C-alpha atoms as a PDB file:
ATOM      1  CA  MET A   1     108.444 171.801  52.373  1.00  0.00           C
ATOM      2  CA  ALA A   2     109.412 169.861  49.270  1.00  0.00           C
ATOM      3  CA  MET A   3     112.649 171.288  47.930  1.00  0.00           C
ATOM      4  CA  GLN A   4     114.711 169.622  45.256  1.00  0.00           C
ATOM      5  CA  PHE A   5     118.441 170.132  45.545  1.00  0.00           C
ATOM      6  CA  LYS A   6     119.433 170.719  41.934  1.00  0.00           C
ATOM      7  CA  ARG A   7     121.964 173.418  42.701  1.00  0.00           C
ATOM      8  CA  LEU A   8     124.287 174.446  45.505  1.00  0.00           C
ATOM      9  CA  SER A   9     122.091 177.490  46.035  1.00  0.00           C
ATOM     10  CA  ASP A  10     119.127 175.182  46.748  1.00  0.00           C
ATOM     11  CA  ARG A  11     121.042 173.507  49.561  1.00  0.00           C
ATOM     12  CA  ILE A  12     122.194 176.818  51.002  1.00  0.00           C
ATOM     13  CA  LEU A  13     118.643 178.171  50.884  1.00  0.00           C
ATOM     14  CA  TYR A  14     117.411 175.138  52.811  1.00  0.00           C
ATOM     15  CA  ALA A  15     120.118 175.645  55.452  1.00  0.00           C
ATOM     16  CA  LEU A  16     119.220 179.346  55.634  1.00  0.00           C
ATOM     17  CA  MET A  17     115.592 178.462  56.257  1.00  0.00           C
ATOM     18  CA  LEU A  18     116.650 176.145  59.108  1.00  0.00           C
ATOM     19  CA  ALA A  19     118.796 178.876  60.663  1.00  0.00           C
ATOM     20  CA  LEU A  20     115.863 181.276  60.472  1.00  0.00           C
ATOM     21  CA  GLU A  21     113.541 178.752  62.116  1.00  0.00           C
ATOM     22  CA  GLN A  22     116.082 178.485  64.936  1.00  0.00           C
ATOM     23  CA  LYS A  23     116.352 182.303  65.076  1.00  0.00           C
ATOM     24  CA  ASP A  24     120.128 182.106  64.634  1.00  0.00           C
ATOM     25  CA  LEU A  25     120.913 185.482  63.064  1.00  0.00           C
ATOM     26  CA  LYS A  26     124.688 184.967  62.895  1.00  0.00           C
ATOM     27  CA  ILE A  27     124.405 181.734  60.908  1.00  0.00           C
ATOM     28  CA  ALA A  28     121.538 183.135  58.824  1.00  0.00           C
ATOM     29  CA  GLU A  29     123.688 186.114  57.787  1.00  0.00           C
ATOM     30  CA  LEU A  30     126.579 183.837  56.826  1.00  0.00           C
ATOM     31  CA  LEU A  31     124.266 181.609  54.816  1.00  0.00           C
ATOM     32  CA  ASN A  32     122.656 184.626  53.164  1.00  0.00           C
ATOM     33  CA  ASN A  33     126.110 185.778  52.019  1.00  0.00           C
ATOM     34  CA  ALA A  34     126.861 182.284  50.725  1.00  0.00           C
ATOM     35  CA  LEU A  35     123.512 182.200  48.939  1.00  0.00           C
ATOM     36  CA  GLU A  36     124.193 185.526  47.235  1.00  0.00           C
ATOM     37  CA  ALA A  37     127.630 184.311  46.156  1.00  0.00           C
ATOM     38  CA  SER A  38     126.259 181.043  44.788  1.00  0.00           C
ATOM     39  CA  LEU A  39     123.520 182.833  42.848  1.00  0.00           C
ATOM     40  CA  THR A  40     125.923 185.302  41.247  1.00  0.00           C
ATOM     41  CA  ARG A  41     128.946 183.124  40.519  1.00  0.00           C
ATOM     42  CA  LYS A  42     129.730 182.516  36.889  1.00  0.00           C
ATOM     43  CA  ALA A  43     127.272 185.292  36.123  1.00  0.00           C
ATOM     44  CA  GLY A  44     127.886 188.077  33.724  1.00  0.00           C
ATOM     45  CA  GLY A  45     129.988 188.249  30.676  1.00  0.00           C
ATOM     46  CA  LYS A  46     128.929 189.150  27.209  1.00  0.00           C
ATOM     47  CA  GLY A  47     125.361 188.205  26.464  1.00  0.00           C
ATOM     48  CA  PHE A  48     124.616 186.862  29.955  1.00  0.00           C
ATOM     49  CA  VAL A  49     120.928 186.633  30.795  1.00  0.00           C
ATOM     50  CA  GLU A  50     119.739 185.449  34.224  1.00  0.00           C
ATOM     51  CA  ARG A  51     117.175 182.737  33.605  1.00  0.00           C
ATOM     52  CA  ARG A  52     116.347 181.768  37.163  1.00  0.00           C
ATOM     53  CA  ASP A  53     113.336 183.183  38.941  1.00  0.00           C
ATOM     54  CA  PHE A  54     113.374 183.798  42.651  1.00  0.00           C
ATOM     55  CA  THR A  55     111.263 181.137  44.241  1.00  0.00           C
ATOM     56  CA  ALA A  56     108.585 181.628  46.849  1.00  0.00           C
ATOM     57  CA  GLU A  57     110.945 179.926  49.315  1.00  0.00           C
ATOM     58  CA  TYR A  58     113.648 182.512  48.601  1.00  0.00           C
ATOM     59  CA  GLU A  59     111.228 185.402  49.041  1.00  0.00           C
ATOM     60  CA  ALA A  60     109.922 183.935  52.316  1.00  0.00           C
ATOM     61  CA  ALA A  61     113.465 183.434  53.621  1.00  0.00           C
ATOM     62  CA  MET A  62     114.388 187.045  52.841  1.00  0.00           C
ATOM     63  CA  GLU A  63     111.272 188.287  54.653  1.00  0.00           C
ATOM     64  CA  LYS A  64     112.076 186.150  57.706  1.00  0.00           C
ATOM     65  CA  LEU A  65     115.696 187.326  57.683  1.00  0.00           C
ATOM     66  CA  ASN A  66     114.601 190.966  57.632  1.00  0.00           C
ATOM     67  CA  GLU A  67     112.167 190.322  60.493  1.00  0.00           C
ATOM     68  CA  LEU A  68     114.896 188.611  62.538  1.00  0.00           C
ATOM     69  CA  ARG A  69     117.288 191.506  61.893  1.00  0.00           C
ATOM     70  CA  LYS A  70     114.711 193.943  63.279  1.00  0.00           C
ATOM     71  CA  LYS A  71     114.165 191.865  66.430  1.00  0.00           C
ATOM     72  CA  ILE A  72     117.837 191.569  67.295  1.00  0.00           C
END
């Protein structure tokens, strides 16, 4: 997996993926909350337009998180 850490959210996503690989739901949930906060901070305001696309890594992490939630 070749991820570039341009933003805080990139680093959190990487940590979330590690937690999911280790099947650590508690840490994964905390990191998911942190990821959501980092993606939405400084967002909004007049004329705000979200320019970031959700990456394949993000989509895969969300799928794995949902699968882990169902197992536990």
